[in-house]
């Protein structure tokens, strides 16, 4: 099983290479990310969500909720680039960010 950093790195690398991680891999990473949500860093949350958006993957509600909650909790750790990447990912995937997340991120930008 991958830890949070490995999940974010793998998905970022695949997206950067232009590979679309569909099916079982995307499902496995999504499920593991939900279980490990509390261990993600700000960079990891932003990278994972950026990768899902870049690969045009559908982020399941459980993943969106888990990453939103984690990002809101650790909002003070986000650098401006991470805020931008996370909000871009939500916009690209046409996700509705929770009001608390938008407010928390707006304080960091």
PDB file of N, CA and C in Angstrom:
ATOM      1  N   UNK A   1       0.845  -1.186   0.000  1.00  0.00           N
ATOM      2  CA  UNK A   1       0.000   0.000   0.000  1.00  0.00           C
ATOM      3  C   UNK A   1       0.885   1.243   0.000  1.00  0.00           C
ATOM      4  N   UNK A   2       0.493   2.224  -0.788  1.00  0.00           N
ATOM      5  CA  UNK A   2       1.238   3.471  -0.911  1.00  0.00           C
ATOM      6  C   UNK A   2       0.927   4.394   0.262  1.00  0.00           C
ATOM      7  N   UNK A   3       1.933   5.162   0.685  1.00  0.00           N
ATOM      8  CA  UNK A   3       1.638   6.208   1.658  1.00  0.00           C
ATOM      9  C   UNK A   3       1.200   7.456   0.889  1.00  0.00           C
ATOM     10  N   UNK A   4       0.794   8.477   1.624  1.00  0.00           N
ATOM     11  CA  UNK A   4       0.236   9.682   1.013  1.00  0.00           C
ATOM     12  C   UNK A   4       1.207  10.315   0.009  1.00  0.00           C
ATOM     13  N   UNK A   5       2.461  10.428   0.382  1.00  0.00           N
ATOM     14  CA  UNK A   5       3.452  11.046  -0.503  1.00  0.00           C
ATOM     15  C   UNK A   5       3.632  10.234  -1.777  1.00  0.00           C
ATOM     16  N   UNK A   6       3.688   8.920  -1.643  1.00  0.00           N
ATOM     17  CA  UNK A   6       3.860   8.064  -2.817  1.00  0.00           C
ATOM     18  C   UNK A   6       2.657   8.162  -3.751  1.00  0.00           C
ATOM     19  N   UNK A   7       1.449   8.231  -3.194  1.00  0.00           N
ATOM     20  CA  UNK A   7       0.250   8.373  -4.026  1.00  0.00           C
ATOM     21  C   UNK A   7       0.292   9.676  -4.807  1.00  0.00           C
ATOM     22  N   UNK A   8       0.576  10.759  -4.114  1.00  0.00           N
ATOM     23  CA  UNK A   8       0.630  12.071  -4.774  1.00  0.00           C
ATOM     24  C   UNK A   8       1.718  12.084  -5.841  1.00  0.00           C
ATOM     25  N   UNK A   9       2.889  11.529  -5.522  1.00  0.00           N
ATOM     26  CA  UNK A   9       3.998  11.512  -6.478  1.00  0.00           C
ATOM     27  C   UNK A   9       3.674  10.677  -7.705  1.00  0.00           C
ATOM     28  N   UNK A  10       3.101   9.493  -7.501  1.00  0.00           N
ATOM     29  CA  UNK A  10       2.763   8.619  -8.624  1.00  0.00           C
ATOM     30  C   UNK A  10       1.749   9.276  -9.552  1.00  0.00           C
ATOM     31  N   UNK A  11       0.690   9.797  -8.979  1.00  0.00           N
ATOM     32  CA  UNK A  11      -0.348  10.401  -9.807  1.00  0.00           C
ATOM     33  C   UNK A  11       0.175  11.657 -10.500  1.00  0.00           C
ATOM     34  N   UNK A  12       0.993  12.449  -9.822  1.00  0.00           N
ATOM     35  CA  UNK A  12       1.597  13.638 -10.428  1.00  0.00           C
ATOM     36  C   UNK A  12       2.491  13.234 -11.600  1.00  0.00           C
ATOM     37  N   UNK A  13       3.303  12.196 -11.398  1.00  0.00           N
ATOM     38  CA  UNK A  13       4.219  11.753 -12.453  1.00  0.00           C
ATOM     39  C   UNK A  13       3.452  11.264 -13.680  1.00  0.00           C
ATOM     40  N   UNK A  14       2.428  10.468 -13.451  1.00  0.00           N
ATOM     41  CA  UNK A  14       1.631   9.967 -14.576  1.00  0.00           C
ATOM     42  C   UNK A  14       0.978  11.120 -15.338  1.00  0.00           C
ATOM     43  N   UNK A  15       0.410  12.066 -14.599  1.00  0.00           N
ATOM     44  CA  UNK A  15      -0.227  13.222 -15.242  1.00  0.00           C
ATOM     45  C   UNK A  15       0.791  14.045 -16.017  1.00  0.00           C
ATOM     46  N   UNK A  16       1.958  14.239 -15.458  1.00  0.00           N
ATOM     47  CA  UNK A  16       3.009  15.015 -16.099  1.00  0.00           C
ATOM     48  C   UNK A  16       3.492  14.341 -17.386  1.00  0.00           C
ATOM     49  N   UNK A  17       3.502  13.005 -17.394  1.00  0.00           N
ATOM     50  CA  UNK A  17       3.910  12.257 -18.586  1.00  0.00           C
ATOM     51  C   UNK A  17       2.799  12.167 -19.630  1.00  0.00           C
ATOM     52  N   UNK A  18       1.607  12.634 -19.278  1.00  0.00           N
ATOM     53  CA  UNK A  18       0.495  12.573 -20.200  1.00  0.00           C
ATOM     54  C   UNK A  18      -0.216  11.233 -20.218  1.00  0.00           C
ATOM     55  N   UNK A  19       0.023  10.421 -19.195  1.00  0.00           N
ATOM     56  CA  UNK A  19      -0.624   9.116 -19.078  1.00  0.00           C
ATOM     57  C   UNK A  19      -1.926   9.299 -18.316  1.00  0.00           C
ATOM     58  N   UNK A  20      -2.971   8.633 -18.761  1.00  0.00           N
ATOM     59  CA  UNK A  20      -4.247   8.698 -18.049  1.00  0.00           C
ATOM     60  C   UNK A  20      -4.399   7.427 -17.224  1.00  0.00           C
ATOM     61  N   UNK A  21      -4.330   7.580 -15.907  1.00  0.00           N
ATOM     62  CA  UNK A  21      -4.427   6.441 -14.990  1.00  0.00           C
ATOM     63  C   UNK A  21      -5.894   6.127 -14.759  1.00  0.00           C
ATOM     64  N   UNK A  22      -6.444   5.316 -15.630  1.00  0.00           N
ATOM     65  CA  UNK A  22      -7.867   5.003 -15.538  1.00  0.00           C
ATOM     66  C   UNK A  22      -8.097   3.704 -14.775  1.00  0.00           C
ATOM     67  N   UNK A  23      -9.359   3.407 -14.586  1.00  0.00           N
ATOM     68  CA  UNK A  23      -9.770   2.099 -14.079  1.00  0.00           C
ATOM     69  C   UNK A  23      -9.239   1.770 -12.707  1.00  0.00           C
ATOM     70  N   UNK A  24      -8.676   0.585 -12.607  1.00  0.00           N
ATOM     71  CA  UNK A  24      -8.277   0.052 -11.305  1.00  0.00           C
ATOM     72  C   UNK A  24      -7.226   0.901 -10.606  1.00  0.00           C
ATOM     73  N   UNK A  25      -6.280   1.449 -11.340  1.00  0.00           N
ATOM     74  CA  UNK A  25      -5.248   2.264 -10.704  1.00  0.00           C
ATOM     75  C   UNK A  25      -5.850   3.525 -10.094  1.00  0.00           C
ATOM     76  N   UNK A  26      -6.655   4.223 -10.861  1.00  0.00           N
ATOM     77  CA  UNK A  26      -7.284   5.442 -10.342  1.00  0.00           C
ATOM     78  C   UNK A  26      -8.190   5.118  -9.160  1.00  0.00           C
ATOM     79  N   UNK A  27      -8.954   4.048  -9.278  1.00  0.00           N
ATOM     80  CA  UNK A  27      -9.836   3.637  -8.174  1.00  0.00           C
ATOM     81  C   UNK A  27      -9.039   3.286  -6.924  1.00  0.00           C
ATOM     82  N   UNK A  28      -7.935   2.559  -7.111  1.00  0.00           N
ATOM     83  CA  UNK A  28      -7.096   2.157  -5.971  1.00  0.00           C
ATOM     84  C   UNK A  28      -6.467   3.375  -5.301  1.00  0.00           C
ATOM     85  N   UNK A  29      -5.953   4.304  -6.108  1.00  0.00           N
ATOM     86  CA  UNK A  29      -5.340   5.505  -5.534  1.00  0.00           C
ATOM     87  C   UNK A  29      -6.386   6.344  -4.808  1.00  0.00           C
ATOM     88  N   UNK A  30      -7.561   6.450  -5.385  1.00  0.00           N
ATOM     89  CA  UNK A  30      -8.635   7.213  -4.759  1.00  0.00           C
ATOM     90  C   UNK A  30      -9.024   6.596  -3.419  1.00  0.00           C
ATOM     91  N   UNK A  31      -9.229   5.300  -3.395  1.00  0.00           N
ATOM     92  CA  UNK A  31      -9.619   4.610  -2.148  1.00  0.00           C
ATOM     93  C   UNK A  31      -8.544   4.729  -1.083  1.00  0.00           C
ATOM     94  N   UNK A  32      -7.289   4.530  -1.494  1.00  0.00           N
ATOM     95  CA  UNK A  32      -6.193   4.638  -0.523  1.00  0.00           C
ATOM     96  C   UNK A  32      -6.047   6.068  -0.015  1.00  0.00           C
ATOM     97  N   UNK A  33      -6.230   7.037  -0.899  1.00  0.00           N
ATOM     98  CA  UNK A  33      -6.112   8.438  -0.491  1.00  0.00           C
ATOM     99  C   UNK A  33      -7.178   8.798   0.537  1.00  0.00           C
ATOM    100  N   UNK A  34      -8.369   8.285   0.354  1.00  0.00           N
ATOM    101  CA  UNK A  34      -9.442   8.544   1.332  1.00  0.00           C
ATOM    102  C   UNK A  34      -9.041   7.982   2.690  1.00  0.00           C
ATOM    103  N   UNK A  35      -8.522   6.760   2.693  1.00  0.00           N
ATOM    104  CA  UNK A  35      -8.118   6.133   3.968  1.00  0.00           C
ATOM    105  C   UNK A  35      -6.944   6.859   4.626  1.00  0.00           C
ATOM    106  N   UNK A  36      -6.059   7.427   3.812  1.00  0.00           N
ATOM    107  CA  UNK A  36      -4.856   8.077   4.334  1.00  0.00           C
ATOM    108  C   UNK A  36      -4.970   9.594   4.371  1.00  0.00           C
ATOM    109  N   UNK A  37      -6.156  10.123   4.182  1.00  0.00           N
ATOM    110  CA  UNK A  37      -6.340  11.576   4.033  1.00  0.00           C
ATOM    111  C   UNK A  37      -5.661  12.381   5.134  1.00  0.00           C
ATOM    112  N   UNK A  38      -5.737  11.917   6.359  1.00  0.00           N
ATOM    113  CA  UNK A  38      -5.175  12.687   7.478  1.00  0.00           C
ATOM    114  C   UNK A  38      -3.655  12.743   7.471  1.00  0.00           C
ATOM    115  N   UNK A  39      -3.013  12.002   6.578  1.00  0.00           N
ATOM    116  CA  UNK A  39      -1.545  12.013   6.522  1.00  0.00           C
ATOM    117  C   UNK A  39      -1.019  12.844   5.351  1.00  0.00           C
ATOM    118  N   UNK A  40      -1.912  13.383   4.527  1.00  0.00           N
ATOM    119  CA  UNK A  40      -1.477  14.182   3.388  1.00  0.00           C
ATOM    120  C   UNK A  40      -0.964  15.540   3.843  1.00  0.00           C
ATOM    121  N   UNK A  41       0.105  15.981   3.201  1.00  0.00           N
ATOM    122  CA  UNK A  41       0.598  17.348   3.387  1.00  0.00           C
ATOM    123  C   UNK A  41      -0.198  18.261   2.452  1.00  0.00           C
ATOM    124  N   UNK A  42      -0.031  19.551   2.630  1.00  0.00           N
ATOM    125  CA  UNK A  42      -0.687  20.507   1.737  1.00  0.00           C
ATOM    126  C   UNK A  42      -0.238  20.268   0.299  1.00  0.00           C
ATOM    127  N   UNK A  43       1.043  20.068   0.103  1.00  0.00           N
ATOM    128  CA  UNK A  43       1.573  19.815  -1.235  1.00  0.00           C
ATOM    129  C   UNK A  43       0.984  18.529  -1.806  1.00  0.00           C
ATOM    130  N   UNK A  44       0.851  17.516  -0.969  1.00  0.00           N
ATOM    131  CA  UNK A  44       0.289  16.247  -1.418  1.00  0.00           C
ATOM    132  C   UNK A  44      -1.162  16.359  -1.845  1.00  0.00           C
ATOM    133  N   UNK A  45      -1.963  17.085  -1.069  1.00  0.00           N
ATOM    134  CA  UNK A  45      -3.374  17.296  -1.428  1.00  0.00           C
ATOM    135  C   UNK A  45      -3.464  18.003  -2.780  1.00  0.00           C
ATOM    136  N   UNK A  46      -2.718  19.091  -2.915  1.00  0.00           N
ATOM    137  CA  UNK A  46      -2.757  19.864  -4.158  1.00  0.00           C
ATOM    138  C   UNK A  46      -2.267  19.038  -5.341  1.00  0.00           C
ATOM    139  N   UNK A  47      -1.198  18.289  -5.147  1.00  0.00           N
ATOM    140  CA  UNK A  47      -0.642  17.477  -6.236  1.00  0.00           C
ATOM    141  C   UNK A  47      -1.589  16.371  -6.667  1.00  0.00           C
ATOM    142  N   UNK A  48      -2.191  15.707  -5.705  1.00  0.00           N
ATOM    143  CA  UNK A  48      -3.109  14.619  -6.033  1.00  0.00           C
ATOM    144  C   UNK A  48      -4.318  15.139  -6.800  1.00  0.00           C
ATOM    145  N   UNK A  49      -4.914  16.204  -6.314  1.00  0.00           N
ATOM    146  CA  UNK A  49      -6.098  16.737  -6.980  1.00  0.00           C
ATOM    147  C   UNK A  49      -5.736  17.331  -8.337  1.00  0.00           C
ATOM    148  N   UNK A  50      -4.578  17.969  -8.449  1.00  0.00           N
ATOM    149  CA  UNK A  50      -4.093  18.486  -9.727  1.00  0.00           C
ATOM    150  C   UNK A  50      -3.951  17.340 -10.717  1.00  0.00           C
ATOM    151  N   UNK A  51      -3.393  16.225 -10.268  1.00  0.00           N
ATOM    152  CA  UNK A  51      -3.188  15.075 -11.150  1.00  0.00           C
ATOM    153  C   UNK A  51      -4.521  14.509 -11.640  1.00  0.00           C
ATOM    154  N   UNK A  52      -5.488  14.363 -10.738  1.00  0.00           N
ATOM    155  CA  UNK A  52      -6.803  13.871 -11.155  1.00  0.00           C
ATOM    156  C   UNK A  52      -7.398  14.787 -12.221  1.00  0.00           C
ATOM    157  N   UNK A  53      -7.297  16.093 -12.009  1.00  0.00           N
ATOM    158  CA  UNK A  53      -7.854  17.046 -12.977  1.00  0.00           C
ATOM    159  C   UNK A  53      -7.097  17.006 -14.298  1.00  0.00           C
ATOM    160  N   UNK A  54      -5.781  16.955 -14.238  1.00  0.00           N
ATOM    161  CA  UNK A  54      -4.958  16.945 -15.436  1.00  0.00           C
ATOM    162  C   UNK A  54      -5.219  15.699 -16.276  1.00  0.00           C
ATOM    163  N   UNK A  55      -5.453  14.575 -15.619  1.00  0.00           N
ATOM    164  CA  UNK A  55      -5.736  13.326 -16.342  1.00  0.00           C
ATOM    165  C   UNK A  55      -7.212  13.200 -16.716  1.00  0.00           C
ATOM    166  N   UNK A  56      -7.991  14.227 -16.408  1.00  0.00           N
ATOM    167  CA  UNK A  56      -9.414  14.230 -16.720  1.00  0.00           C
ATOM    168  C   UNK A  56     -10.131  13.033 -16.095  1.00  0.00           C
ATOM    169  N   UNK A  57      -9.767  12.740 -14.843  1.00  0.00           N
ATOM    170  CA  UNK A  57     -10.387  11.644 -14.105  1.00  0.00           C
ATOM    171  C   UNK A  57     -11.545  12.180 -13.278  1.00  0.00           C
ATOM    172  N   UNK A  58     -12.513  11.344 -13.055  1.00  0.00           N
ATOM    173  CA  UNK A  58     -13.633  11.714 -12.191  1.00  0.00           C
ATOM    174  C   UNK A  58     -13.220  11.455 -10.744  1.00  0.00           C
ATOM    175  N   UNK A  59     -13.206  12.483  -9.953  1.00  0.00           N
ATOM    176  CA  UNK A  59     -12.896  12.331  -8.527  1.00  0.00           C
ATOM    177  C   UNK A  59     -14.187  11.951  -7.807  1.00  0.00           C
ATOM    178  N   UNK A  60     -14.179  10.802  -7.175  1.00  0.00           N
ATOM    179  CA  UNK A  60     -15.360  10.350  -6.441  1.00  0.00           C
ATOM    180  C   UNK A  60     -15.627  11.274  -5.260  1.00  0.00           C
ATOM    181  N   UNK A  61     -16.872  11.329  -4.839  1.00  0.00           N
ATOM    182  CA  UNK A  61     -17.282  12.201  -3.741  1.00  0.00           C
ATOM    183  C   UNK A  61     -16.455  11.953  -2.483  1.00  0.00           C
ATOM    184  N   UNK A  62     -16.173  10.693  -2.182  1.00  0.00           N
ATOM    185  CA  UNK A  62     -15.396  10.375  -0.979  1.00  0.00           C
ATOM    186  C   UNK A  62     -14.005  11.010  -1.035  1.00  0.00           C
ATOM    187  N   UNK A  63     -13.379  10.984  -2.211  1.00  0.00           N
ATOM    188  CA  UNK A  63     -12.056  11.596  -2.364  1.00  0.00           C
ATOM    189  C   UNK A  63     -12.152  13.109  -2.237  1.00  0.00           C
ATOM    190  N   UNK A  64     -13.115  13.694  -2.913  1.00  0.00           N
ATOM    191  CA  UNK A  64     -13.295  15.151  -2.858  1.00  0.00           C
ATOM    192  C   UNK A  64     -13.545  15.594  -1.417  1.00  0.00           C
ATOM    193  N   UNK A  65     -14.420  14.891  -0.728  1.00  0.00           N
ATOM    194  CA  UNK A  65     -14.731  15.246   0.664  1.00  0.00           C
ATOM    195  C   UNK A  65     -13.511  15.103   1.562  1.00  0.00           C
ATOM    196  N   UNK A  66     -12.775  14.002   1.392  1.00  0.00           N
ATOM    197  CA  UNK A  66     -11.598  13.749   2.240  1.00  0.00           C
ATOM    198  C   UNK A  66     -10.501  14.782   2.000  1.00  0.00           C
ATOM    199  N   UNK A  67     -10.221  15.085   0.730  1.00  0.00           N
ATOM    200  CA  UNK A  67      -9.167  16.052   0.423  1.00  0.00           C
ATOM    201  C   UNK A  67      -9.595  17.473   0.790  1.00  0.00           C
ATOM    202  N   UNK A  68     -10.877  17.776   0.632  1.00  0.00           N
ATOM    203  CA  UNK A  68     -11.383  19.092   1.043  1.00  0.00           C
ATOM    204  C   UNK A  68     -11.252  19.287   2.541  1.00  0.00           C
ATOM    205  N   UNK A  69     -11.638  18.265   3.288  1.00  0.00           N
ATOM    206  CA  UNK A  69     -11.546  18.343   4.747  1.00  0.00           C
ATOM    207  C   UNK A  69     -10.095  18.485   5.190  1.00  0.00           C
ATOM    208  N   UNK A  70      -9.212  17.706   4.568  1.00  0.00           N
ATOM    209  CA  UNK A  70      -7.797  17.773   4.934  1.00  0.00           C
ATOM    210  C   UNK A  70      -7.225  19.146   4.589  1.00  0.00           C
ATOM    211  N   UNK A  71      -7.536  19.648   3.402  1.00  0.00           N
ATOM    212  CA  UNK A  71      -7.023  20.952   2.988  1.00  0.00           C
ATOM    213  C   UNK A  71      -7.510  22.060   3.907  1.00  0.00           C
ATOM    214  N   UNK A  72      -8.757  21.984   4.325  1.00  0.00           N
ATOM    215  CA  UNK A  72      -9.310  22.991   5.236  1.00  0.00           C
ATOM    216  C   UNK A  72      -8.590  22.933   6.579  1.00  0.00           C
ATOM    217  N   UNK A  73      -8.342  21.727   7.055  1.00  0.00           N
ATOM    218  CA  UNK A  73      -7.673  21.550   8.352  1.00  0.00           C
ATOM    219  C   UNK A  73      -6.249  22.093   8.348  1.00  0.00           C
ATOM    220  N   UNK A  74      -5.532  21.898   7.244  1.00  0.00           N
ATOM    221  CA  UNK A  74      -4.119  22.302   7.182  1.00  0.00           C
ATOM    222  C   UNK A  74      -3.909  23.508   6.267  1.00  0.00           C
ATOM    223  N   UNK A  75      -4.932  24.315   6.107  1.00  0.00           N
ATOM    224  CA  UNK A  75      -4.880  25.444   5.173  1.00  0.00           C
ATOM    225  C   UNK A  75      -3.670  26.350   5.399  1.00  0.00           C
ATOM    226  N   UNK A  76      -3.278  26.543   6.629  1.00  0.00           N
ATOM    227  CA  UNK A  76      -2.152  27.432   6.922  1.00  0.00           C
ATOM    228  C   UNK A  76      -0.836  26.912   6.347  1.00  0.00           C
ATOM    229  N   UNK A  77      -0.769  25.642   5.987  1.00  0.00           N
ATOM    230  CA  UNK A  77       0.453  25.053   5.429  1.00  0.00           C
ATOM    231  C   UNK A  77       0.553  25.222   3.913  1.00  0.00           C
ATOM    232  N   UNK A  78      -0.507  25.699   3.262  1.00  0.00           N
ATOM    233  CA  UNK A  78      -0.498  25.838   1.810  1.00  0.00           C
ATOM    234  C   UNK A  78       0.296  27.046   1.373  1.00  0.00           C
ATOM    235  N   UNK A  79       1.164  26.837   0.375  1.00  0.00           N
ATOM    236  CA  UNK A  79       1.858  27.924  -0.306  1.00  0.00           C
ATOM    237  C   UNK A  79       0.909  28.442  -1.398  1.00  0.00           C
ATOM    238  N   UNK A  80       1.127  29.649  -1.896  1.00  0.00           N
ATOM    239  CA  UNK A  80       0.246  30.170  -2.946  1.00  0.00           C
ATOM    240  C   UNK A  80       0.112  29.239  -4.160  1.00  0.00           C
ATOM    241  N   UNK A  81       1.188  28.590  -4.581  1.00  0.00           N
ATOM    242  CA  UNK A  81       1.109  27.681  -5.731  1.00  0.00           C
ATOM    243  C   UNK A  81       0.191  26.501  -5.427  1.00  0.00           C
ATOM    244  N   UNK A  82       0.236  25.984  -4.218  1.00  0.00           N
ATOM    245  CA  UNK A  82      -0.641  24.883  -3.838  1.00  0.00           C
ATOM    246  C   UNK A  82      -2.097  25.299  -3.819  1.00  0.00           C
ATOM    247  N   UNK A  83      -2.365  26.497  -3.332  1.00  0.00           N
ATOM    248  CA  UNK A  83      -3.736  27.035  -3.347  1.00  0.00           C
ATOM    249  C   UNK A  83      -4.218  27.112  -4.787  1.00  0.00           C
ATOM    250  N   UNK A  84      -3.384  27.659  -5.652  1.00  0.00           N
ATOM    251  CA  UNK A  84      -3.739  27.801  -7.053  1.00  0.00           C
ATOM    252  C   UNK A  84      -4.001  26.448  -7.702  1.00  0.00           C
ATOM    253  N   UNK A  85      -3.120  25.491  -7.467  1.00  0.00           N
ATOM    254  CA  UNK A  85      -3.283  24.164  -8.062  1.00  0.00           C
ATOM    255  C   UNK A  85      -4.547  23.467  -7.563  1.00  0.00           C
ATOM    256  N   UNK A  86      -4.818  23.590  -6.279  1.00  0.00           N
ATOM    257  CA  UNK A  86      -6.001  22.940  -5.714  1.00  0.00           C
ATOM    258  C   UNK A  86      -7.279  23.566  -6.257  1.00  0.00           C
ATOM    259  N   UNK A  87      -7.342  24.877  -6.273  1.00  0.00           N
ATOM    260  CA  UNK A  87      -8.539  25.538  -6.773  1.00  0.00           C
ATOM    261  C   UNK A  87      -8.704  25.311  -8.281  1.00  0.00           C
ATOM    262  N   UNK A  88      -7.599  25.286  -9.030  1.00  0.00           N
ATOM    263  CA  UNK A  88      -7.659  24.972 -10.457  1.00  0.00           C
ATOM    264  C   UNK A  88      -8.223  23.568 -10.662  1.00  0.00           C
ATOM    265  N   UNK A  89      -7.771  22.613  -9.850  1.00  0.00           N
ATOM    266  CA  UNK A  89      -8.257  21.236  -9.967  1.00  0.00           C
ATOM    267  C   UNK A  89      -9.759  21.168  -9.739  1.00  0.00           C
ATOM    268  N   UNK A  90     -10.239  21.852  -8.705  1.00  0.00           N
ATOM    269  CA  UNK A  90     -11.679  21.859  -8.434  1.00  0.00           C
ATOM    270  C   UNK A  90     -12.446  22.478  -9.604  1.00  0.00           C
ATOM    271  N   UNK A  91     -11.942  23.580 -10.128  1.00  0.00           N
ATOM    272  CA  UNK A  91     -12.618  24.242 -11.244  1.00  0.00           C
ATOM    273  C   UNK A  91     -12.601  23.363 -12.494  1.00  0.00           C
ATOM    274  N   UNK A  92     -11.478  22.756 -12.787  1.00  0.00           N
ATOM    275  CA  UNK A  92     -11.335  21.920 -13.972  1.00  0.00           C
ATOM    276  C   UNK A  92     -12.249  20.702 -13.911  1.00  0.00           C
ATOM    277  N   UNK A  93     -12.380  20.116 -12.721  1.00  0.00           N
ATOM    278  CA  UNK A  93     -13.239  18.939 -12.564  1.00  0.00           C
ATOM    279  C   UNK A  93     -14.698  19.335 -12.327  1.00  0.00           C
ATOM    280  N   UNK A  94     -14.946  20.648 -12.369  1.00  0.00           N
ATOM    281  CA  UNK A  94     -16.293  21.180 -12.150  1.00  0.00           C
ATOM    282  C   UNK A  94     -16.887  20.711 -10.825  1.00  0.00           C
ATOM    283  N   UNK A  95     -16.033  20.769  -9.795  1.00  0.00           N
ATOM    284  CA  UNK A  95     -16.454  20.379  -8.448  1.00  0.00           C
ATOM    285  C   UNK A  95     -16.866  21.616  -7.676  1.00  0.00           C
ATOM    286  N   UNK A  96     -17.809  21.455  -6.829  1.00  0.00           N
ATOM    287  CA  UNK A  96     -18.232  22.550  -5.958  1.00  0.00           C
ATOM    288  C   UNK A  96     -17.459  22.402  -4.638  1.00  0.00           C
ATOM    289  N   UNK A  97     -16.564  23.326  -4.390  1.00  0.00           N
ATOM    290  CA  UNK A  97     -15.784  23.308  -3.157  1.00  0.00           C
ATOM    291  C   UNK A  97     -16.648  23.771  -1.994  1.00  0.00           C
ATOM    292  N   UNK A  98     -16.475  23.143  -0.867  1.00  0.00           N
ATOM    293  CA  UNK A  98     -17.194  23.552   0.335  1.00  0.00           C
ATOM    294  C   UNK A  98     -16.805  24.984   0.687  1.00  0.00           C
ATOM    295  N   UNK A  99     -17.749  25.718   1.217  1.00  0.00           N
ATOM    296  CA  UNK A  99     -17.504  27.122   1.573  1.00  0.00           C
ATOM    297  C   UNK A  99     -16.313  27.249   2.509  1.00  0.00           C
ATOM    298  N   UNK A 100     -16.165  26.337   3.430  1.00  0.00           N
ATOM    299  CA  UNK A 100     -15.043  26.382   4.369  1.00  0.00           C
ATOM    300  C   UNK A 100     -13.702  26.252   3.675  1.00  0.00           C
ATOM    301  N   UNK A 101     -13.647  25.433   2.635  1.00  0.00           N
ATOM    302  CA  UNK A 101     -12.404  25.263   1.887  1.00  0.00           C
ATOM    303  C   UNK A 101     -12.072  26.535   1.132  1.00  0.00           C
ATOM    304  N   UNK A 102     -13.034  27.104   0.458  1.00  0.00           N
ATOM    305  CA  UNK A 102     -12.786  28.331  -0.316  1.00  0.00           C
ATOM    306  C   UNK A 102     -12.332  29.450   0.620  1.00  0.00           C
ATOM    307  N   UNK A 103     -12.996  29.573   1.737  1.00  0.00           N
ATOM    308  CA  UNK A 103     -12.616  30.606   2.703  1.00  0.00           C
ATOM    309  C   UNK A 103     -11.212  30.373   3.244  1.00  0.00           C
ATOM    310  N   UNK A 104     -10.893  29.143   3.591  1.00  0.00           N
ATOM    311  CA  UNK A 104      -9.572  28.815   4.117  1.00  0.00           C
ATOM    312  C   UNK A 104      -8.476  29.077   3.081  1.00  0.00           C
ATOM    313  N   UNK A 105      -8.736  28.711   1.831  1.00  0.00           N
ATOM    314  CA  UNK A 105      -7.744  28.915   0.775  1.00  0.00           C
ATOM    315  C   UNK A 105      -7.582  30.384   0.429  1.00  0.00           C
ATOM    316  N   UNK A 106      -8.662  31.137   0.481  1.00  0.00           N
ATOM    317  CA  UNK A 106      -8.580  32.567   0.150  1.00  0.00           C
ATOM    318  C   UNK A 106      -7.710  33.315   1.148  1.00  0.00           C
ATOM    319  N   UNK A 107      -7.637  32.828   2.367  1.00  0.00           N
ATOM    320  CA  UNK A 107      -6.757  33.449   3.372  1.00  0.00           C
ATOM    321  C   UNK A 107      -5.288  33.156   3.093  1.00  0.00           C
ATOM    322  N   UNK A 108      -4.991  32.109   2.320  1.00  0.00           N
ATOM    323  CA  UNK A 108      -3.627  31.711   2.059  1.00  0.00           C
ATOM    324  C   UNK A 108      -3.070  32.282   0.761  1.00  0.00           C
ATOM    325  N   UNK A 109      -3.937  32.677  -0.126  1.00  0.00           N
ATOM    326  CA  UNK A 109      -3.475  33.121  -1.462  1.00  0.00           C
ATOM    327  C   UNK A 109      -2.751  34.448  -1.394  1.00  0.00           C
TER     328      UNK A 109
END
